[in-house]
Amino acid sequence: VIVAILGPTLHTVMIAITLVLIPQFIHSVHNAFYTERSKEYVIASKLN
């Protein structure tokens, strides 16, 4: 969809691939942080 809108060039492909991958990193890191922040070692660090 992104390449069809912007045109088939190398820069467009790079932009499209980067934009497609960003949500995947956000989702995985967000879930990992959400799981870890409620653990005891994080709570102890906050209390310190």
ModelCIF file with pLDDT and N, C-alpha, C, O atoms, coordinates in Angstrom:
data_MODEL
#
_entry.id   MODEL 
#
_entity.id                         1 
_entity.type                       polymer 
_entity.pdbx_number_of_molecules   1 
#
_entity_poly.entity_id                      1 
_entity_poly.type                           'polypeptide(L)' 
_entity_poly.nstd_linkage                   no 
_entity_poly.nstd_monomer                   no 
_entity_poly.pdbx_seq_one_letter_code       VIVAILGPTLHTVMIAITLVLIPQFIHSVHNAFYTERSKEYVIASKLN 
_entity_poly.pdbx_seq_one_letter_code_can   VIVAILGPTLHTVMIAITLVLIPQFIHSVHNAFYTERSKEYVIASKLN 
_entity_poly.pdbx_strand_id                 A 
#
loop_
_entity_poly_seq.entity_id 
_entity_poly_seq.num 
_entity_poly_seq.mon_id 
_entity_poly_seq.hetero 
1 1  VAL n 
1 2  ILE n 
1 3  VAL n 
1 4  ALA n 
1 5  ILE n 
1 6  LEU n 
1 7  GLY n 
1 8  PRO n 
1 9  THR n 
1 10 LEU n 
1 11 HIS n 
1 12 THR n 
1 13 VAL n 
1 14 MET n 
1 15 ILE n 
1 16 ALA n 
1 17 ILE n 
1 18 THR n 
1 19 LEU n 
1 20 VAL n 
1 21 LEU n 
1 22 ILE n 
1 23 PRO n 
1 24 GLN n 
1 25 PHE n 
1 26 ILE n 
1 27 HIS n 
1 28 SER n 
1 29 VAL n 
1 30 HIS n 
1 31 ASN n 
1 32 ALA n 
1 33 PHE n 
1 34 TYR n 
1 35 THR n 
1 36 GLU n 
1 37 ARG n 
1 38 SER n 
1 39 LYS n 
1 40 GLU n 
1 41 TYR n 
1 42 VAL n 
1 43 ILE n 
1 44 ALA n 
1 45 SER n 
1 46 LYS n 
1 47 LEU n 
1 48 ASN n 
#
_struct_asym.id          A 
_struct_asym.entity_id   1 
#
loop_
_ma_qa_metric.id 
_ma_qa_metric.mode 
_ma_qa_metric.name 
_ma_qa_metric.software_group_id 
_ma_qa_metric.type 
1 global pLDDT . pLDDT 
2 local  pLDDT . pLDDT 
#
_ma_qa_metric_global.metric_id      1 
_ma_qa_metric_global.metric_value   84.52 
_ma_qa_metric_global.model_id       1 
_ma_qa_metric_global.ordinal_id     1 
#
loop_
_ma_qa_metric_local.label_asym_id 
_ma_qa_metric_local.label_comp_id 
_ma_qa_metric_local.label_seq_id 
_ma_qa_metric_local.metric_id 
_ma_qa_metric_local.metric_value 
_ma_qa_metric_local.model_id 
_ma_qa_metric_local.ordinal_id 
A VAL 1  2 84.00 1 1  
A ILE 2  2 85.00 1 2  
A VAL 3  2 85.00 1 3  
A ALA 4  2 83.00 1 4  
A ILE 5  2 85.00 1 5  
A LEU 6  2 82.00 1 6  
A GLY 7  2 81.00 1 7  
A PRO 8  2 81.00 1 8  
A THR 9  2 83.00 1 9  
A LEU 10 2 84.00 1 10 
A HIS 11 2 86.00 1 11 
A THR 12 2 88.00 1 12 
A VAL 13 2 88.00 1 13 
A MET 14 2 89.00 1 14 
A ILE 15 2 89.00 1 15 
A ALA 16 2 88.00 1 16 
A ILE 17 2 90.00 1 17 
A THR 18 2 90.00 1 18 
A LEU 19 2 87.00 1 19 
A VAL 20 2 88.00 1 20 
A LEU 21 2 90.00 1 21 
A ILE 22 2 88.00 1 22 
A PRO 23 2 87.00 1 23 
A GLN 24 2 87.00 1 24 
A PHE 25 2 90.00 1 25 
A ILE 26 2 86.00 1 26 
A HIS 27 2 85.00 1 27 
A SER 28 2 88.00 1 28 
A VAL 29 2 87.00 1 29 
A HIS 30 2 84.00 1 30 
A ASN 31 2 84.00 1 31 
A ALA 32 2 86.00 1 32 
A PHE 33 2 84.00 1 33 
A TYR 34 2 81.00 1 34 
A THR 35 2 83.00 1 35 
A GLU 36 2 83.00 1 36 
A ARG 37 2 80.00 1 37 
A SER 38 2 79.00 1 38 
A LYS 39 2 81.00 1 39 
A GLU 40 2 82.00 1 40 
A TYR 41 2 81.00 1 41 
A VAL 42 2 81.00 1 42 
A ILE 43 2 80.00 1 43 
A ALA 44 2 84.00 1 44 
A SER 45 2 80.00 1 45 
A LYS 46 2 80.00 1 46 
A LEU 47 2 79.00 1 47 
A ASN 48 2 81.00 1 48 
#
loop_
_atom_site.group_PDB 
_atom_site.id 
_atom_site.type_symbol 
_atom_site.label_atom_id 
_atom_site.label_alt_id 
_atom_site.label_comp_id 
_atom_site.label_asym_id 
_atom_site.label_entity_id 
_atom_site.label_seq_id 
_atom_site.pdbx_PDB_ins_code 
_atom_site.Cartn_x 
_atom_site.Cartn_y 
_atom_site.Cartn_z 
_atom_site.occupancy 
_atom_site.B_iso_or_equiv 
_atom_site.pdbx_formal_charge 
_atom_site.auth_seq_id 
_atom_site.auth_comp_id 
_atom_site.auth_asym_id 
_atom_site.auth_atom_id 
_atom_site.pdbx_PDB_model_num 
ATOM 1   N N  . VAL A 1 1  ? 0.837  -1.203 0.000  1.00 84.00 ? 1  VAL A N  1 
ATOM 2   C CA . VAL A 1 1  ? 0.000  0.000  0.000  1.00 84.00 ? 1  VAL A CA 1 
ATOM 3   C C  . VAL A 1 1  ? 0.869  1.250  0.000  1.00 84.00 ? 1  VAL A C  1 
ATOM 4   O O  . VAL A 1 1  ? 0.601  2.193  -0.744 1.00 84.00 ? 1  VAL A O  1 
ATOM 5   N N  . ILE A 1 2  ? 1.917  1.263  0.837  1.00 85.00 ? 2  ILE A N  1 
ATOM 6   C CA . ILE A 1 2  ? 2.784  2.438  0.915  1.00 85.00 ? 2  ILE A CA 1 
ATOM 7   C C  . ILE A 1 2  ? 3.534  2.647  -0.395 1.00 85.00 ? 2  ILE A C  1 
ATOM 8   O O  . ILE A 1 2  ? 3.644  3.775  -0.876 1.00 85.00 ? 2  ILE A O  1 
ATOM 9   N N  . VAL A 1 3  ? 4.053  1.556  -0.976 1.00 85.00 ? 3  VAL A N  1 
ATOM 10  C CA . VAL A 1 3  ? 4.780  1.667  -2.239 1.00 85.00 ? 3  VAL A CA 1 
ATOM 11  C C  . VAL A 1 3  ? 3.844  2.091  -3.364 1.00 85.00 ? 3  VAL A C  1 
ATOM 12  O O  . VAL A 1 3  ? 4.241  2.859  -4.241 1.00 85.00 ? 3  VAL A O  1 
ATOM 13  N N  . ALA A 1 4  ? 2.604  1.600  -3.351 1.00 83.00 ? 4  ALA A N  1 
ATOM 14  C CA . ALA A 1 4  ? 1.644  1.993  -4.389 1.00 83.00 ? 4  ALA A CA 1 
ATOM 15  C C  . ALA A 1 4  ? 1.316  3.479  -4.312 1.00 83.00 ? 4  ALA A C  1 
ATOM 16  O O  . ALA A 1 4  ? 1.042  4.105  -5.336 1.00 83.00 ? 4  ALA A O  1 
ATOM 17  N N  . ILE A 1 5  ? 1.342  4.045  -3.115 1.00 85.00 ? 5  ILE A N  1 
ATOM 18  C CA . ILE A 1 5  ? 1.035  5.469  -2.953 1.00 85.00 ? 5  ILE A CA 1 
ATOM 19  C C  . ILE A 1 5  ? 2.231  6.342  -3.322 1.00 85.00 ? 5  ILE A C  1 
ATOM 20  O O  . ILE A 1 5  ? 2.078  7.354  -4.006 1.00 85.00 ? 5  ILE A O  1 
ATOM 21  N N  . LEU A 1 6  ? 3.424  5.948  -2.865 1.00 82.00 ? 6  LEU A N  1 
ATOM 22  C CA . LEU A 1 6  ? 4.610  6.789  -3.039 1.00 82.00 ? 6  LEU A CA 1 
ATOM 23  C C  . LEU A 1 6  ? 5.393  6.484  -4.307 1.00 82.00 ? 6  LEU A C  1 
ATOM 24  O O  . LEU A 1 6  ? 6.173  7.318  -4.768 1.00 82.00 ? 6  LEU A O  1 
ATOM 25  N N  . GLY A 1 7  ? 5.193  5.289  -4.881 1.00 81.00 ? 7  GLY A N  1 
ATOM 26  C CA . GLY A 1 7  ? 5.919  4.949  -6.100 1.00 81.00 ? 7  GLY A CA 1 
ATOM 27  C C  . GLY A 1 7  ? 7.015  3.931  -5.843 1.00 81.00 ? 7  GLY A C  1 
ATOM 28  O O  . GLY A 1 7  ? 7.592  3.907  -4.756 1.00 81.00 ? 7  GLY A O  1 
ATOM 29  N N  . PRO A 1 8  ? 7.312  3.085  -6.829 1.00 81.00 ? 8  PRO A N  1 
ATOM 30  C CA . PRO A 1 8  ? 8.303  2.012  -6.649 1.00 81.00 ? 8  PRO A CA 1 
ATOM 31  C C  . PRO A 1 8  ? 9.747  2.473  -6.853 1.00 81.00 ? 8  PRO A C  1 
ATOM 32  O O  . PRO A 1 8  ? 10.300 2.320  -7.942 1.00 81.00 ? 8  PRO A O  1 
ATOM 33  N N  . THR A 1 9  ? 10.343 3.026  -5.828 1.00 83.00 ? 9  THR A N  1 
ATOM 34  C CA . THR A 1 9  ? 11.746 3.402  -5.857 1.00 83.00 ? 9  THR A CA 1 
ATOM 35  C C  . THR A 1 9  ? 12.442 2.821  -4.630 1.00 83.00 ? 9  THR A C  1 
ATOM 36  O O  . THR A 1 9  ? 11.785 2.336  -3.709 1.00 83.00 ? 9  THR A O  1 
ATOM 37  N N  . LEU A 1 10 ? 13.767 2.871  -4.621 1.00 84.00 ? 10 LEU A N  1 
ATOM 38  C CA . LEU A 1 10 ? 14.527 2.315  -3.500 1.00 84.00 ? 10 LEU A CA 1 
ATOM 39  C C  . LEU A 1 10 ? 14.224 3.062  -2.210 1.00 84.00 ? 10 LEU A C  1 
ATOM 40  O O  . LEU A 1 10 ? 14.040 2.435  -1.166 1.00 84.00 ? 10 LEU A O  1 
ATOM 41  N N  . HIS A 1 11 ? 14.168 4.390  -2.261 1.00 86.00 ? 11 HIS A N  1 
ATOM 42  C CA . HIS A 1 11 ? 13.873 5.168  -1.059 1.00 86.00 ? 11 HIS A CA 1 
ATOM 43  C C  . HIS A 1 11 ? 12.462 4.890  -0.548 1.00 86.00 ? 11 HIS A C  1 
ATOM 44  O O  . HIS A 1 11 ? 12.227 4.833  0.659  1.00 86.00 ? 11 HIS A O  1 
ATOM 45  N N  . THR A 1 12 ? 11.532 4.718  -1.474 1.00 88.00 ? 12 THR A N  1 
ATOM 46  C CA . THR A 1 12 ? 10.158 4.411  -1.065 1.00 88.00 ? 12 THR A CA 1 
ATOM 47  C C  . THR A 1 12 ? 10.081 3.049  -0.385 1.00 88.00 ? 12 THR A C  1 
ATOM 48  O O  . THR A 1 12 ? 9.388  2.885  0.619  1.00 88.00 ? 12 THR A O  1 
ATOM 49  N N  . VAL A 1 13 ? 10.796 2.076  -0.937 1.00 88.00 ? 13 VAL A N  1 
ATOM 50  C CA . VAL A 1 13 ? 10.808 0.741  -0.333 1.00 88.00 ? 13 VAL A CA 1 
ATOM 51  C C  . VAL A 1 13 ? 11.409 0.800  1.070  1.00 88.00 ? 13 VAL A C  1 
ATOM 52  O O  . VAL A 1 13 ? 10.900 0.157  1.988  1.00 88.00 ? 13 VAL A O  1 
ATOM 53  N N  . MET A 1 14 ? 12.489 1.568  1.242  1.00 89.00 ? 14 MET A N  1 
ATOM 54  C CA . MET A 1 14 ? 13.096 1.699  2.566  1.00 89.00 ? 14 MET A CA 1 
ATOM 55  C C  . MET A 1 14 ? 12.125 2.342  3.554  1.00 89.00 ? 14 MET A C  1 
ATOM 56  O O  . MET A 1 14 ? 12.013 1.898  4.696  1.00 89.00 ? 14 MET A O  1 
ATOM 57  N N  . ILE A 1 15 ? 11.433 3.372  3.120  1.00 89.00 ? 15 ILE A N  1 
ATOM 58  C CA . ILE A 1 15 ? 10.453 4.022  3.991  1.00 89.00 ? 15 ILE A CA 1 
ATOM 59  C C  . ILE A 1 15 ? 9.333  3.056  4.354  1.00 89.00 ? 15 ILE A C  1 
ATOM 60  O O  . ILE A 1 15 ? 8.912  2.980  5.508  1.00 89.00 ? 15 ILE A O  1 
ATOM 61  N N  . ALA A 1 16 ? 8.857  2.319  3.351  1.00 88.00 ? 16 ALA A N  1 
ATOM 62  C CA . ALA A 1 16 ? 7.749  1.388  3.581  1.00 88.00 ? 16 ALA A CA 1 
ATOM 63  C C  . ALA A 1 16 ? 8.144  0.285  4.563  1.00 88.00 ? 16 ALA A C  1 
ATOM 64  O O  . ALA A 1 16 ? 7.391  -0.017 5.489  1.00 88.00 ? 16 ALA A O  1 
ATOM 65  N N  . ILE A 1 17 ? 9.314  -0.316 4.368  1.00 90.00 ? 17 ILE A N  1 
ATOM 66  C CA . ILE A 1 17 ? 9.755  -1.392 5.253  1.00 90.00 ? 17 ILE A CA 1 
ATOM 67  C C  . ILE A 1 17 ? 9.974  -0.878 6.668  1.00 90.00 ? 17 ILE A C  1 
ATOM 68  O O  . ILE A 1 17 ? 9.616  -1.551 7.635  1.00 90.00 ? 17 ILE A O  1 
ATOM 69  N N  . THR A 1 18 ? 10.556 0.307  6.799  1.00 90.00 ? 18 THR A N  1 
ATOM 70  C CA . THR A 1 18 ? 10.792 0.873  8.129  1.00 90.00 ? 18 THR A CA 1 
ATOM 71  C C  . THR A 1 18 ? 9.474  1.149  8.853  1.00 90.00 ? 18 THR A C  1 
ATOM 72  O O  . THR A 1 18 ? 9.323  0.821  10.030 1.00 90.00 ? 18 THR A O  1 
ATOM 73  N N  . LEU A 1 19 ? 8.528  1.750  8.145  1.00 87.00 ? 19 LEU A N  1 
ATOM 74  C CA . LEU A 1 19 ? 7.234  2.042  8.759  1.00 87.00 ? 19 LEU A CA 1 
ATOM 75  C C  . LEU A 1 19 ? 6.476  0.777  9.133  1.00 87.00 ? 19 LEU A C  1 
ATOM 76  O O  . LEU A 1 19 ? 5.725  0.762  10.108 1.00 87.00 ? 19 LEU A O  1 
ATOM 77  N N  . VAL A 1 20 ? 6.674  -0.279 8.360  1.00 88.00 ? 20 VAL A N  1 
ATOM 78  C CA . VAL A 1 20 ? 5.987  -1.543 8.659  1.00 88.00 ? 20 VAL A CA 1 
ATOM 79  C C  . VAL A 1 20 ? 6.582  -2.208 9.898  1.00 88.00 ? 20 VAL A C  1 
ATOM 80  O O  . VAL A 1 20 ? 5.857  -2.832 10.673 1.00 88.00 ? 20 VAL A O  1 
ATOM 81  N N  . LEU A 1 21 ? 7.895  -2.081 10.091 1.00 90.00 ? 21 LEU A N  1 
ATOM 82  C CA . LEU A 1 21 ? 8.564  -2.762 11.195 1.00 90.00 ? 21 LEU A CA 1 
ATOM 83  C C  . LEU A 1 21 ? 8.428  -2.032 12.526 1.00 90.00 ? 21 LEU A C  1 
ATOM 84  O O  . LEU A 1 21 ? 8.486  -2.665 13.581 1.00 90.00 ? 21 LEU A O  1 
ATOM 85  N N  . ILE A 1 22 ? 8.249  -0.724 12.498 1.00 88.00 ? 22 ILE A N  1 
ATOM 86  C CA . ILE A 1 22 ? 8.174  0.047  13.747 1.00 88.00 ? 22 ILE A CA 1 
ATOM 87  C C  . ILE A 1 22 ? 7.061  -0.445 14.676 1.00 88.00 ? 22 ILE A C  1 
ATOM 88  O O  . ILE A 1 22 ? 7.328  -0.642 15.862 1.00 88.00 ? 22 ILE A O  1 
ATOM 89  N N  . PRO A 1 23 ? 5.821  -0.654 14.198 1.00 87.00 ? 23 PRO A N  1 
ATOM 90  C CA . PRO A 1 23 ? 4.783  -1.148 15.120 1.00 87.00 ? 23 PRO A CA 1 
ATOM 91  C C  . PRO A 1 23 ? 5.110  -2.494 15.738 1.00 87.00 ? 23 PRO A C  1 
ATOM 92  O O  . PRO A 1 23 ? 4.695  -2.761 16.866 1.00 87.00 ? 23 PRO A O  1 
ATOM 93  N N  . GLN A 1 24 ? 5.844  -3.357 15.033 1.00 87.00 ? 24 GLN A N  1 
ATOM 94  C CA . GLN A 1 24 ? 6.199  -4.650 15.597 1.00 87.00 ? 24 GLN A CA 1 
ATOM 95  C C  . GLN A 1 24 ? 7.138  -4.491 16.789 1.00 87.00 ? 24 GLN A C  1 
ATOM 96  O O  . GLN A 1 24 ? 6.972  -5.166 17.806 1.00 87.00 ? 24 GLN A O  1 
ATOM 97  N N  . PHE A 1 25 ? 8.119  -3.605 16.669 1.00 90.00 ? 25 PHE A N  1 
ATOM 98  C CA . PHE A 1 25 ? 9.020  -3.352 17.796 1.00 90.00 ? 25 PHE A CA 1 
ATOM 99  C C  . PHE A 1 25 ? 8.275  -2.695 18.952 1.00 90.00 ? 25 PHE A C  1 
ATOM 100 O O  . PHE A 1 25 ? 8.487  -3.044 20.113 1.00 90.00 ? 25 PHE A O  1 
ATOM 101 N N  . ILE A 1 26 ? 7.405  -1.748 18.633 1.00 86.00 ? 26 ILE A N  1 
ATOM 102 C CA . ILE A 1 26 ? 6.646  -1.083 19.701 1.00 86.00 ? 26 ILE A CA 1 
ATOM 103 C C  . ILE A 1 26 ? 5.810  -2.091 20.467 1.00 86.00 ? 26 ILE A C  1 
ATOM 104 O O  . ILE A 1 26 ? 5.771  -2.065 21.697 1.00 86.00 ? 26 ILE A O  1 
ATOM 105 N N  . HIS A 1 27 ? 5.145  -2.974 19.747 1.00 85.00 ? 27 HIS A N  1 
ATOM 106 C CA . HIS A 1 27 ? 4.250  -3.941 20.387 1.00 85.00 ? 27 HIS A CA 1 
ATOM 107 C C  . HIS A 1 27 ? 5.019  -4.908 21.285 1.00 85.00 ? 27 HIS A C  1 
ATOM 108 O O  . HIS A 1 27 ? 4.619  -5.136 22.427 1.00 85.00 ? 27 HIS A O  1 
ATOM 109 N N  . SER A 1 28 ? 6.120  -5.481 20.784 1.00 88.00 ? 28 SER A N  1 
ATOM 110 C CA . SER A 1 28 ? 6.869  -6.460 21.569 1.00 88.00 ? 28 SER A CA 1 
ATOM 111 C C  . SER A 1 28 ? 7.536  -5.815 22.785 1.00 88.00 ? 28 SER A C  1 
ATOM 112 O O  . SER A 1 28 ? 7.507  -6.379 23.879 1.00 88.00 ? 28 SER A O  1 
ATOM 113 N N  . VAL A 1 29 ? 8.139  -4.633 22.599 1.00 87.00 ? 29 VAL A N  1 
ATOM 114 C CA . VAL A 1 29 ? 8.811  -3.958 23.718 1.00 87.00 ? 29 VAL A CA 1 
ATOM 115 C C  . VAL A 1 29 ? 7.784  -3.447 24.724 1.00 87.00 ? 29 VAL A C  1 
ATOM 116 O O  . VAL A 1 29 ? 8.019  -3.510 25.931 1.00 87.00 ? 29 VAL A O  1 
ATOM 117 N N  . HIS A 1 30 ? 6.658  -2.946 24.244 1.00 84.00 ? 30 HIS A N  1 
ATOM 118 C CA . HIS A 1 30 ? 5.609  -2.474 25.141 1.00 84.00 ? 30 HIS A CA 1 
ATOM 119 C C  . HIS A 1 30 ? 5.106  -3.598 26.035 1.00 84.00 ? 30 HIS A C  1 
ATOM 120 O O  . HIS A 1 30 ? 4.957  -3.411 27.243 1.00 84.00 ? 30 HIS A O  1 
ATOM 121 N N  . ASN A 1 31 ? 4.845  -4.765 25.451 1.00 84.00 ? 31 ASN A N  1 
ATOM 122 C CA . ASN A 1 31 ? 4.365  -5.897 26.245 1.00 84.00 ? 31 ASN A CA 1 
ATOM 123 C C  . ASN A 1 31 ? 5.424  -6.376 27.233 1.00 84.00 ? 31 ASN A C  1 
ATOM 124 O O  . ASN A 1 31 ? 5.109  -6.743 28.365 1.00 84.00 ? 31 ASN A O  1 
ATOM 125 N N  . ALA A 1 32 ? 6.701  -6.369 26.789 1.00 86.00 ? 32 ALA A N  1 
ATOM 126 C CA . ALA A 1 32 ? 7.765  -6.811 27.689 1.00 86.00 ? 32 ALA A CA 1 
ATOM 127 C C  . ALA A 1 32 ? 7.918  -5.859 28.876 1.00 86.00 ? 32 ALA A C  1 
ATOM 128 O O  . ALA A 1 32 ? 8.055  -6.312 30.012 1.00 86.00 ? 32 ALA A O  1 
ATOM 129 N N  . PHE A 1 33 ? 7.896  -4.569 28.633 1.00 84.00 ? 33 PHE A N  1 
ATOM 130 C CA . PHE A 1 33 ? 7.990  -3.585 29.715 1.00 84.00 ? 33 PHE A CA 1 
ATOM 131 C C  . PHE A 1 33 ? 6.773  -3.668 30.633 1.00 84.00 ? 33 PHE A C  1 
ATOM 132 O O  . PHE A 1 33 ? 6.889  -3.559 31.854 1.00 84.00 ? 33 PHE A O  1 
ATOM 133 N N  . TYR A 1 34 ? 5.607  -3.862 30.024 1.00 81.00 ? 34 TYR A N  1 
ATOM 134 C CA . TYR A 1 34 ? 4.379  -3.942 30.819 1.00 81.00 ? 34 TYR A CA 1 
ATOM 135 C C  . TYR A 1 34 ? 4.430  -5.141 31.772 1.00 81.00 ? 34 TYR A C  1 
ATOM 136 O O  . TYR A 1 34 ? 3.930  -5.070 32.895 1.00 81.00 ? 34 TYR A O  1 
ATOM 137 N N  . THR A 1 35 ? 5.037  -6.243 31.315 1.00 83.00 ? 35 THR A N  1 
ATOM 138 C CA . THR A 1 35 ? 5.149  -7.436 32.157 1.00 83.00 ? 35 THR A CA 1 
ATOM 139 C C  . THR A 1 35 ? 6.195  -7.252 33.249 1.00 83.00 ? 35 THR A C  1 
ATOM 140 O O  . THR A 1 35 ? 5.990  -7.673 34.388 1.00 83.00 ? 35 THR A O  1 
ATOM 141 N N  . GLU A 1 36 ? 7.324  -6.618 32.899 1.00 83.00 ? 36 GLU A N  1 
ATOM 142 C CA . GLU A 1 36 ? 8.429  -6.514 33.847 1.00 83.00 ? 36 GLU A CA 1 
ATOM 143 C C  . GLU A 1 36 ? 8.192  -5.456 34.919 1.00 83.00 ? 36 GLU A C  1 
ATOM 144 O O  . GLU A 1 36 ? 8.710  -5.584 36.028 1.00 83.00 ? 36 GLU A O  1 
ATOM 145 N N  . ARG A 1 37 ? 7.423  -4.416 34.616 1.00 80.00 ? 37 ARG A N  1 
ATOM 146 C CA . ARG A 1 37 ? 7.336  -3.294 35.556 1.00 80.00 ? 37 ARG A CA 1 
ATOM 147 C C  . ARG A 1 37 ? 6.598  -3.644 36.838 1.00 80.00 ? 37 ARG A C  1 
ATOM 148 O O  . ARG A 1 37 ? 6.705  -2.918 37.826 1.00 80.00 ? 37 ARG A O  1 
ATOM 149 N N  . SER A 1 38 ? 5.844  -4.751 36.842 1.00 79.00 ? 38 SER A N  1 
ATOM 150 C CA . SER A 1 38 ? 5.119  -5.148 38.051 1.00 79.00 ? 38 SER A CA 1 
ATOM 151 C C  . SER A 1 38 ? 5.871  -6.188 38.877 1.00 79.00 ? 38 SER A C  1 
ATOM 152 O O  . SER A 1 38 ? 5.345  -6.684 39.873 1.00 79.00 ? 38 SER A O  1 
ATOM 153 N N  . LYS A 1 39 ? 7.100  -6.523 38.471 1.00 81.00 ? 39 LYS A N  1 
ATOM 154 C CA . LYS A 1 39 ? 7.860  -7.522 39.207 1.00 81.00 ? 39 LYS A CA 1 
ATOM 155 C C  . LYS A 1 39 ? 8.546  -6.885 40.412 1.00 81.00 ? 39 LYS A C  1 
ATOM 156 O O  . LYS A 1 39 ? 8.671  -5.664 40.512 1.00 81.00 ? 39 LYS A O  1 
ATOM 157 N N  . GLU A 1 40 ? 8.987  -7.756 41.325 1.00 82.00 ? 40 GLU A N  1 
ATOM 158 C CA . GLU A 1 40 ? 9.472  -7.274 42.617 1.00 82.00 ? 40 GLU A CA 1 
ATOM 159 C C  . GLU A 1 40 ? 10.741 -6.439 42.487 1.00 82.00 ? 40 GLU A C  1 
ATOM 160 O O  . GLU A 1 40 ? 10.891 -5.440 43.192 1.00 82.00 ? 40 GLU A O  1 
ATOM 161 N N  . TYR A 1 41 ? 11.649 -6.823 41.608 1.00 81.00 ? 41 TYR A N  1 
ATOM 162 C CA . TYR A 1 41 ? 12.909 -6.081 41.528 1.00 81.00 ? 41 TYR A CA 1 
ATOM 163 C C  . TYR A 1 41 ? 12.685 -4.656 41.007 1.00 81.00 ? 41 TYR A C  1 
ATOM 164 O O  . TYR A 1 41 ? 13.426 -3.742 41.368 1.00 81.00 ? 41 TYR A O  1 
ATOM 165 N N  . VAL A 1 42 ? 11.661 -4.463 40.157 1.00 81.00 ? 42 VAL A N  1 
ATOM 166 C CA . VAL A 1 42 ? 11.346 -3.126 39.672 1.00 81.00 ? 42 VAL A CA 1 
ATOM 167 C C  . VAL A 1 42 ? 10.696 -2.301 40.794 1.00 81.00 ? 42 VAL A C  1 
ATOM 168 O O  . VAL A 1 42 ? 11.011 -1.124 40.969 1.00 81.00 ? 42 VAL A O  1 
ATOM 169 N N  . ILE A 1 43 ? 9.804  -2.922 41.534 1.00 80.00 ? 43 ILE A N  1 
ATOM 170 C CA . ILE A 1 43 ? 9.161  -2.228 42.653 1.00 80.00 ? 43 ILE A CA 1 
ATOM 171 C C  . ILE A 1 43 ? 10.193 -1.841 43.710 1.00 80.00 ? 43 ILE A C  1 
ATOM 172 O O  . ILE A 1 43 ? 10.129 -0.753 44.282 1.00 80.00 ? 43 ILE A O  1 
ATOM 173 N N  . ALA A 1 44 ? 11.148 -2.745 43.964 1.00 84.00 ? 44 ALA A N  1 
ATOM 174 C CA . ALA A 1 44 ? 12.202 -2.431 44.934 1.00 84.00 ? 44 ALA A CA 1 
ATOM 175 C C  . ALA A 1 44 ? 13.069 -1.269 44.453 1.00 84.00 ? 44 ALA A C  1 
ATOM 176 O O  . ALA A 1 44 ? 13.486 -0.430 45.252 1.00 84.00 ? 44 ALA A O  1 
ATOM 177 N N  . SER A 1 45 ? 13.339 -1.219 43.157 1.00 80.00 ? 45 SER A N  1 
ATOM 178 C CA . SER A 1 45 ? 14.122 -0.104 42.617 1.00 80.00 ? 45 SER A CA 1 
ATOM 179 C C  . SER A 1 45 ? 13.363 1.209  42.740 1.00 80.00 ? 45 SER A C  1 
ATOM 180 O O  . SER A 1 45 ? 13.956 2.249  43.025 1.00 80.00 ? 45 SER A O  1 
ATOM 181 N N  . LYS A 1 46 ? 12.058 1.160  42.525 1.00 80.00 ? 46 LYS A N  1 
ATOM 182 C CA . LYS A 1 46 ? 11.250 2.371  42.699 1.00 80.00 ? 46 LYS A CA 1 
ATOM 183 C C  . LYS A 1 46 ? 11.281 2.848  44.151 1.00 80.00 ? 46 LYS A C  1 
ATOM 184 O O  . LYS A 1 46 ? 11.395 4.045  44.416 1.00 80.00 ? 46 LYS A O  1 
ATOM 185 N N  . LEU A 1 47 ? 11.177 1.906  45.084 1.00 79.00 ? 47 LEU A N  1 
ATOM 186 C CA . LEU A 1 47 ? 11.189 2.274  46.497 1.00 79.00 ? 47 LEU A CA 1 
ATOM 187 C C  . LEU A 1 47 ? 12.540 2.846  46.921 1.00 79.00 ? 47 LEU A C  1 
ATOM 188 O O  . LEU A 1 47 ? 12.618 3.624  47.872 1.00 79.00 ? 47 LEU A O  1 
ATOM 189 N N  . ASN A 1 48 ? 13.606 2.459  46.214 1.00 81.00 ? 48 ASN A N  1 
ATOM 190 C CA . ASN A 1 48 ? 14.932 3.007  46.514 1.00 81.00 ? 48 ASN A CA 1 
ATOM 191 C C  . ASN A 1 48 ? 15.144 4.387  45.914 1.00 81.00 ? 48 ASN A C  1 
ATOM 192 O O  . ASN A 1 48 ? 16.212 4.976  46.081 1.00 81.00 ? 48 ASN A O  1 
#
